[in-house]
Amino acid sequence: MDEKQIERLAAELGRKRAGEIDPEATAQGVLARLRAEPAEEASWQRPVWRRRMPVLQALAAAAIVAAVALGVRQLGGPQAQAAGEVPVQVSLEQLAEAELSAVLDSLESEAPVYELVPAGLDELSEAELSTLLESLEG
């Protein structure tokens, strides 16, 4: 079959089907269905605030939650602070010597004590310096 034969066959089928369709009955059926179903307003005809935009609604909800969380955090209420956390607003320069000593004692951080290590490299012997350099090389 060539292209012209296919076109003729399609035209003949179209004429046969066109004769079988009752346009009046089809129109009556469409009108009955339209009357039975409520008309739905097209989304482009609705005002912007009435349109359904789930992505935009989700983003707006997330922005509100973030703003509320940030507001609560900036208020700095007792519920926003961790347990045992106390805000300090005193400058160390304003403390007396006794108060500074008390602050240092409260830190409970001890510096490591090296009892067996001489204070300077000048006091090490040549053998001790060699041992030290070898230990540093790994």
N, C-alpha and C. Protein backbone atom coordinates (compact mmCIF):
# COMPACT_ATOMS: atom_id res chain seq x y z
N MET A 1 0.84 -1.18 0.00
CA MET A 1 0.00 0.00 0.00
C MET A 1 0.89 1.24 0.00
N ASP A 2 0.51 2.15 -0.85
CA ASP A 2 1.25 3.41 -0.87
C ASP A 2 0.49 4.46 -0.07
N GLU A 3 1.02 5.64 -0.02
CA GLU A 3 0.47 6.72 0.83
C GLU A 3 -0.92 7.16 0.37
N LYS A 4 -1.15 7.23 -0.93
CA LYS A 4 -2.45 7.66 -1.46
C LYS A 4 -3.55 6.67 -1.11
N GLN A 5 -3.24 5.37 -1.18
CA GLN A 5 -4.22 4.36 -0.82
C GLN A 5 -4.59 4.45 0.67
N ILE A 6 -3.57 4.71 1.51
CA ILE A 6 -3.83 4.84 2.96
C ILE A 6 -4.72 6.05 3.22
N GLU A 7 -4.49 7.16 2.52
CA GLU A 7 -5.32 8.36 2.70
C GLU A 7 -6.76 8.11 2.25
N ARG A 8 -6.95 7.40 1.15
CA ARG A 8 -8.30 7.08 0.68
C ARG A 8 -9.04 6.19 1.66
N LEU A 9 -8.34 5.20 2.18
CA LEU A 9 -8.95 4.30 3.15
C LEU A 9 -9.35 5.05 4.41
N ALA A 10 -8.50 5.96 4.88
CA ALA A 10 -8.81 6.75 6.08
C ALA A 10 -10.01 7.67 5.84
N ALA A 11 -10.09 8.28 4.68
CA ALA A 11 -11.22 9.16 4.36
C ALA A 11 -12.52 8.37 4.31
N GLU A 12 -12.48 7.17 3.74
CA GLU A 12 -13.68 6.32 3.65
C GLU A 12 -14.15 5.91 5.04
N LEU A 13 -13.19 5.53 5.93
CA LEU A 13 -13.56 5.17 7.31
C LEU A 13 -14.15 6.36 8.04
N GLY A 14 -13.60 7.55 7.81
CA GLY A 14 -14.12 8.75 8.45
C GLY A 14 -15.53 9.07 8.02
N ARG A 15 -15.84 8.87 6.70
CA ARG A 15 -17.20 9.13 6.22
C ARG A 15 -18.18 8.14 6.81
N LYS A 16 -17.77 6.88 6.94
CA LYS A 16 -18.66 5.87 7.53
C LYS A 16 -18.97 6.20 8.98
N ARG A 17 -17.96 6.58 9.76
CA ARG A 17 -18.15 6.90 11.18
C ARG A 17 -18.96 8.19 11.35
N ALA A 18 -18.76 9.13 10.47
CA ALA A 18 -19.49 10.39 10.56
C ALA A 18 -20.98 10.15 10.39
N GLY A 19 -21.35 9.20 9.55
CA GLY A 19 -22.76 8.88 9.35
C GLY A 19 -23.37 8.19 10.55
N GLU A 20 -22.57 7.48 11.33
CA GLU A 20 -23.08 6.75 12.49
C GLU A 20 -23.29 7.65 13.71
N ILE A 21 -22.64 8.81 13.77
CA ILE A 21 -22.73 9.69 14.93
C ILE A 21 -23.97 10.55 14.83
N ASP A 22 -24.74 10.60 15.93
CA ASP A 22 -25.91 11.47 16.00
C ASP A 22 -25.51 12.74 16.75
N PRO A 23 -25.29 13.87 16.06
CA PRO A 23 -24.82 15.07 16.71
C PRO A 23 -25.80 15.62 17.75
N GLU A 24 -27.07 15.45 17.51
CA GLU A 24 -28.07 15.97 18.46
C GLU A 24 -28.02 15.19 19.78
N ALA A 25 -27.91 13.87 19.69
CA ALA A 25 -27.85 13.05 20.91
C ALA A 25 -26.54 13.31 21.67
N THR A 26 -25.45 13.49 20.93
CA THR A 26 -24.16 13.78 21.56
C THR A 26 -24.21 15.11 22.30
N ALA A 27 -24.79 16.12 21.68
CA ALA A 27 -24.91 17.44 22.31
C ALA A 27 -25.79 17.36 23.56
N GLN A 28 -26.91 16.62 23.48
CA GLN A 28 -27.79 16.48 24.64
C GLN A 28 -27.08 15.78 25.80
N GLY A 29 -26.27 14.77 25.49
CA GLY A 29 -25.52 14.04 26.52
C GLY A 29 -24.48 14.93 27.21
N VAL A 30 -23.78 15.73 26.40
CA VAL A 30 -22.77 16.64 26.96
C VAL A 30 -23.43 17.68 27.85
N LEU A 31 -24.54 18.26 27.41
CA LEU A 31 -25.26 19.26 28.20
C LEU A 31 -25.79 18.67 29.50
N ALA A 32 -26.28 17.45 29.46
CA ALA A 32 -26.79 16.81 30.68
C ALA A 32 -25.67 16.58 31.68
N ARG A 33 -24.53 16.16 31.20
CA ARG A 33 -23.39 15.95 32.11
C ARG A 33 -22.90 17.26 32.71
N LEU A 34 -22.86 18.33 31.91
CA LEU A 34 -22.42 19.62 32.42
C LEU A 34 -23.39 20.17 33.47
N ARG A 35 -24.67 19.91 33.28
CA ARG A 35 -25.66 20.38 34.27
C ARG A 35 -25.57 19.58 35.56
N ALA A 36 -25.24 18.29 35.47
CA ALA A 36 -25.19 17.42 36.65
C ALA A 36 -23.94 17.68 37.50
N GLU A 37 -22.83 17.99 36.87
CA GLU A 37 -21.57 18.23 37.59
C GLU A 37 -21.40 19.72 37.86
N PRO A 38 -20.98 20.06 39.08
CA PRO A 38 -20.76 21.49 39.36
C PRO A 38 -19.56 22.00 38.56
N ALA A 39 -19.69 23.21 38.09
CA ALA A 39 -18.60 23.81 37.30
C ALA A 39 -17.43 24.11 38.22
N GLU A 40 -16.23 23.76 37.78
CA GLU A 40 -15.03 24.03 38.56
C GLU A 40 -14.36 25.27 37.98
N GLU A 41 -14.04 26.17 38.87
CA GLU A 41 -13.42 27.42 38.44
C GLU A 41 -11.98 27.15 38.01
N ALA A 42 -11.60 27.71 36.89
CA ALA A 42 -10.24 27.53 36.39
C ALA A 42 -9.25 28.20 37.33
N SER A 43 -8.10 27.56 37.57
CA SER A 43 -7.13 28.09 38.54
C SER A 43 -6.58 29.45 38.13
N TRP A 44 -6.50 29.72 36.83
CA TRP A 44 -5.97 31.01 36.40
C TRP A 44 -6.98 32.13 36.61
N GLN A 45 -8.27 31.78 36.83
CA GLN A 45 -9.29 32.80 37.07
C GLN A 45 -9.40 33.16 38.55
N ARG A 46 -8.87 32.34 39.42
CA ARG A 46 -8.93 32.61 40.86
C ARG A 46 -7.95 33.71 41.24
N PRO A 47 -8.27 34.47 42.29
CA PRO A 47 -7.28 35.42 42.81
C PRO A 47 -6.07 34.66 43.34
N VAL A 48 -4.93 35.31 43.40
CA VAL A 48 -3.69 34.65 43.80
C VAL A 48 -3.82 34.01 45.18
N TRP A 49 -4.50 34.68 46.12
CA TRP A 49 -4.58 34.15 47.48
C TRP A 49 -5.51 32.93 47.59
N ARG A 50 -6.28 32.62 46.53
CA ARG A 50 -7.16 31.45 46.57
C ARG A 50 -6.62 30.28 45.76
N ARG A 51 -5.53 30.48 45.06
CA ARG A 51 -4.96 29.40 44.24
C ARG A 51 -4.27 28.39 45.14
N ARG A 52 -4.28 27.16 44.71
CA ARG A 52 -3.60 26.11 45.47
C ARG A 52 -2.20 25.95 44.92
N MET A 53 -1.23 26.24 45.78
CA MET A 53 0.17 26.12 45.40
C MET A 53 0.89 25.37 46.53
N PRO A 54 0.89 24.05 46.51
CA PRO A 54 1.43 23.29 47.64
C PRO A 54 2.91 23.56 47.91
N VAL A 55 3.70 23.78 46.89
CA VAL A 55 5.12 24.04 47.11
C VAL A 55 5.30 25.37 47.83
N LEU A 56 4.57 26.38 47.36
CA LEU A 56 4.66 27.69 47.99
C LEU A 56 4.14 27.65 49.42
N GLN A 57 3.08 26.88 49.67
CA GLN A 57 2.54 26.75 51.02
C GLN A 57 3.55 26.06 51.94
N ALA A 58 4.24 25.04 51.44
CA ALA A 58 5.23 24.34 52.25
C ALA A 58 6.41 25.25 52.58
N LEU A 59 6.85 26.05 51.60
CA LEU A 59 7.95 26.99 51.84
C LEU A 59 7.55 28.06 52.85
N ALA A 60 6.31 28.54 52.76
CA ALA A 60 5.83 29.54 53.72
C ALA A 60 5.78 28.96 55.12
N ALA A 61 5.32 27.73 55.26
CA ALA A 61 5.27 27.09 56.58
C ALA A 61 6.68 26.92 57.15
N ALA A 62 7.63 26.52 56.32
CA ALA A 62 9.01 26.36 56.78
C ALA A 62 9.60 27.70 57.21
N ALA A 63 9.28 28.77 56.47
CA ALA A 63 9.79 30.09 56.83
C ALA A 63 9.22 30.56 58.16
N ILE A 64 7.95 30.26 58.40
CA ILE A 64 7.33 30.65 59.68
C ILE A 64 7.98 29.89 60.83
N VAL A 65 8.19 28.59 60.66
CA VAL A 65 8.82 27.79 61.72
C VAL A 65 10.23 28.29 62.00
N ALA A 66 10.99 28.61 60.96
CA ALA A 66 12.36 29.11 61.14
C ALA A 66 12.35 30.47 61.85
N ALA A 67 11.41 31.33 61.49
CA ALA A 67 11.34 32.65 62.12
C ALA A 67 10.99 32.54 63.60
N VAL A 68 10.07 31.64 63.93
CA VAL A 68 9.70 31.45 65.34
C VAL A 68 10.88 30.89 66.13
N ALA A 69 11.57 29.92 65.55
CA ALA A 69 12.72 29.32 66.24
C ALA A 69 13.82 30.36 66.46
N LEU A 70 14.06 31.19 65.47
CA LEU A 70 15.07 32.23 65.60
C LEU A 70 14.66 33.26 66.64
N GLY A 71 13.39 33.61 66.67
CA GLY A 71 12.89 34.56 67.66
C GLY A 71 13.05 34.05 69.08
N VAL A 72 12.72 32.78 69.30
CA VAL A 72 12.87 32.19 70.63
C VAL A 72 14.33 32.14 71.03
N ARG A 73 15.17 31.82 70.08
CA ARG A 73 16.61 31.72 70.37
C ARG A 73 17.20 33.09 70.71
N GLN A 74 16.76 34.14 70.00
CA GLN A 74 17.29 35.47 70.25
C GLN A 74 16.76 36.06 71.54
N LEU A 75 15.59 35.62 71.97
CA LEU A 75 15.07 36.12 73.24
C LEU A 75 15.97 35.70 74.39
N GLY A 76 16.60 34.55 74.26
CA GLY A 76 17.56 34.09 75.26
C GLY A 76 16.93 33.77 76.59
N GLY A 77 15.71 33.29 76.57
CA GLY A 77 15.04 32.91 77.80
C GLY A 77 15.72 31.72 78.44
N PRO A 78 15.33 31.39 79.65
CA PRO A 78 15.98 30.26 80.34
C PRO A 78 15.80 28.94 79.60
N GLN A 79 14.71 28.79 78.88
CA GLN A 79 14.51 27.54 78.14
C GLN A 79 15.45 27.44 76.95
N ALA A 80 16.00 28.57 76.47
CA ALA A 80 16.90 28.55 75.32
C ALA A 80 18.32 28.20 75.71
N GLN A 81 18.67 28.31 77.01
CA GLN A 81 20.04 28.03 77.44
C GLN A 81 20.17 26.58 77.86
N ALA A 82 21.35 26.03 77.63
CA ALA A 82 21.61 24.65 78.00
C ALA A 82 21.73 24.56 79.52
N ALA A 83 21.51 23.38 80.04
CA ALA A 83 21.60 23.18 81.48
C ALA A 83 23.00 23.47 81.97
N GLY A 84 23.12 24.26 83.03
CA GLY A 84 24.42 24.57 83.60
C GLY A 84 25.13 25.70 82.90
N GLU A 85 24.57 26.27 81.90
CA GLU A 85 25.21 27.34 81.15
C GLU A 85 24.78 28.67 81.75
N VAL A 86 25.75 29.47 82.12
CA VAL A 86 25.46 30.76 82.73
C VAL A 86 26.11 31.85 81.89
N PRO A 87 25.35 32.86 81.48
CA PRO A 87 25.96 33.92 80.69
C PRO A 87 26.89 34.77 81.55
N VAL A 88 28.09 35.05 81.06
CA VAL A 88 29.08 35.83 81.80
C VAL A 88 29.27 37.15 81.07
N GLN A 89 29.13 38.25 81.83
CA GLN A 89 29.28 39.56 81.22
C GLN A 89 30.28 40.41 81.99
N VAL A 90 31.12 39.78 82.78
CA VAL A 90 32.10 40.51 83.58
C VAL A 90 33.45 40.44 82.87
N SER A 91 34.11 41.57 82.76
CA SER A 91 35.43 41.61 82.16
C SER A 91 36.46 41.19 83.20
N LEU A 92 37.48 40.45 82.78
CA LEU A 92 38.51 40.02 83.72
C LEU A 92 39.32 41.19 84.26
N GLU A 93 39.34 42.26 83.52
CA GLU A 93 40.09 43.44 83.95
C GLU A 93 39.46 44.08 85.19
N GLN A 94 38.20 43.83 85.41
CA GLN A 94 37.49 44.43 86.54
C GLN A 94 37.66 43.63 87.83
N LEU A 95 38.24 42.44 87.74
CA LEU A 95 38.37 41.58 88.92
C LEU A 95 39.60 41.93 89.73
N ALA A 96 39.47 41.75 91.05
CA ALA A 96 40.61 41.95 91.95
C ALA A 96 41.51 40.72 91.87
N GLU A 97 42.69 40.82 92.48
CA GLU A 97 43.66 39.72 92.41
C GLU A 97 43.11 38.45 93.04
N ALA A 98 42.44 38.58 94.14
CA ALA A 98 41.87 37.41 94.82
C ALA A 98 40.79 36.76 93.96
N GLU A 99 40.00 37.60 93.29
CA GLU A 99 38.95 37.07 92.44
C GLU A 99 39.54 36.36 91.21
N LEU A 100 40.61 36.92 90.66
CA LEU A 100 41.28 36.27 89.54
C LEU A 100 41.84 34.91 89.94
N SER A 101 42.42 34.84 91.13
CA SER A 101 42.94 33.56 91.62
C SER A 101 41.82 32.55 91.77
N ALA A 102 40.67 33.00 92.27
CA ALA A 102 39.53 32.10 92.43
C ALA A 102 39.04 31.60 91.08
N VAL A 103 39.04 32.47 90.08
CA VAL A 103 38.61 32.07 88.73
C VAL A 103 39.58 31.03 88.17
N LEU A 104 40.88 31.26 88.30
CA LEU A 104 41.87 30.31 87.79
C LEU A 104 41.77 28.97 88.51
N ASP A 105 41.54 29.01 89.82
CA ASP A 105 41.40 27.76 90.58
C ASP A 105 40.15 26.99 90.17
N SER A 106 39.11 27.70 89.75
CA SER A 106 37.85 27.04 89.40
C SER A 106 37.90 26.35 88.03
N LEU A 107 38.89 26.68 87.23
CA LEU A 107 38.99 26.08 85.91
C LEU A 107 39.37 24.60 85.95
N GLU A 108 39.94 24.16 87.02
CA GLU A 108 40.32 22.76 87.22
C GLU A 108 41.16 22.21 86.09
N SER A 109 42.00 23.02 85.55
CA SER A 109 42.88 22.60 84.47
C SER A 109 44.31 22.70 84.99
N GLU A 110 44.95 21.55 85.06
CA GLU A 110 46.32 21.55 85.55
C GLU A 110 47.29 21.43 84.39
N ALA A 111 48.35 22.18 84.45
CA ALA A 111 49.39 22.09 83.43
C ALA A 111 50.22 20.84 83.70
N PRO A 112 50.67 20.14 82.66
CA PRO A 112 51.48 18.94 82.87
C PRO A 112 52.82 19.31 83.53
N VAL A 113 53.23 18.45 84.42
CA VAL A 113 54.48 18.68 85.15
C VAL A 113 55.54 17.76 84.57
N TYR A 114 56.66 18.35 84.16
CA TYR A 114 57.78 17.58 83.64
C TYR A 114 58.90 17.66 84.66
N GLU A 115 58.93 16.67 85.54
CA GLU A 115 59.93 16.71 86.62
C GLU A 115 61.31 16.29 86.14
N LEU A 116 61.36 15.40 85.18
CA LEU A 116 62.65 14.85 84.78
C LEU A 116 63.27 15.59 83.60
N VAL A 117 62.60 16.59 83.08
CA VAL A 117 63.11 17.31 81.92
C VAL A 117 63.78 18.59 82.38
N PRO A 118 65.03 18.80 81.98
CA PRO A 118 65.69 20.06 82.35
C PRO A 118 64.98 21.25 81.70
N ALA A 119 65.14 22.42 82.28
CA ALA A 119 64.41 23.60 81.85
C ALA A 119 64.80 24.07 80.46
N GLY A 120 66.07 23.99 80.07
CA GLY A 120 66.47 24.50 78.76
C GLY A 120 67.33 23.50 78.02
N LEU A 121 67.48 23.70 76.71
CA LEU A 121 68.30 22.81 75.90
C LEU A 121 69.80 23.02 76.17
N ASP A 122 70.14 24.18 76.74
CA ASP A 122 71.55 24.47 77.03
C ASP A 122 72.11 23.50 78.06
N GLU A 123 71.24 23.04 78.95
CA GLU A 123 71.68 22.18 80.04
C GLU A 123 71.77 20.71 79.64
N LEU A 124 71.34 20.34 78.43
CA LEU A 124 71.39 18.94 77.99
C LEU A 124 72.79 18.59 77.52
N SER A 125 73.14 17.33 77.80
CA SER A 125 74.43 16.86 77.30
C SER A 125 74.28 16.47 75.83
N GLU A 126 75.41 16.16 75.22
CA GLU A 126 75.38 15.81 73.81
C GLU A 126 74.60 14.52 73.58
N ALA A 127 74.72 13.57 74.47
CA ALA A 127 74.00 12.29 74.36
C ALA A 127 72.49 12.52 74.53
N GLU A 128 72.12 13.39 75.49
CA GLU A 128 70.69 13.68 75.72
C GLU A 128 70.08 14.40 74.52
N LEU A 129 70.87 15.33 73.91
CA LEU A 129 70.38 16.02 72.72
C LEU A 129 70.17 15.04 71.56
N SER A 130 71.07 14.10 71.39
CA SER A 130 70.94 13.09 70.33
C SER A 130 69.69 12.24 70.56
N THR A 131 69.51 11.83 71.80
CA THR A 131 68.33 11.00 72.13
C THR A 131 67.05 11.80 71.87
N LEU A 132 67.06 13.09 72.24
CA LEU A 132 65.88 13.92 72.02
C LEU A 132 65.58 14.08 70.54
N LEU A 133 66.60 14.33 69.73
CA LEU A 133 66.41 14.51 68.29
C LEU A 133 65.93 13.20 67.64
N GLU A 134 66.47 12.07 68.08
CA GLU A 134 66.02 10.79 67.52
C GLU A 134 64.56 10.51 67.87
N SER A 135 64.15 10.88 69.09
CA SER A 135 62.75 10.66 69.48
C SER A 135 61.80 11.58 68.70
N LEU A 136 62.26 12.75 68.34
CA LEU A 136 61.43 13.66 67.56
C LEU A 136 61.30 13.22 66.11
N GLU A 137 62.34 12.56 65.60
CA GLU A 137 62.28 12.07 64.22
C GLU A 137 61.32 10.92 64.06
N GLY A 138 61.00 10.26 65.12
CA GLY A 138 60.01 9.18 65.08
C GLY A 138 60.61 7.92 64.70
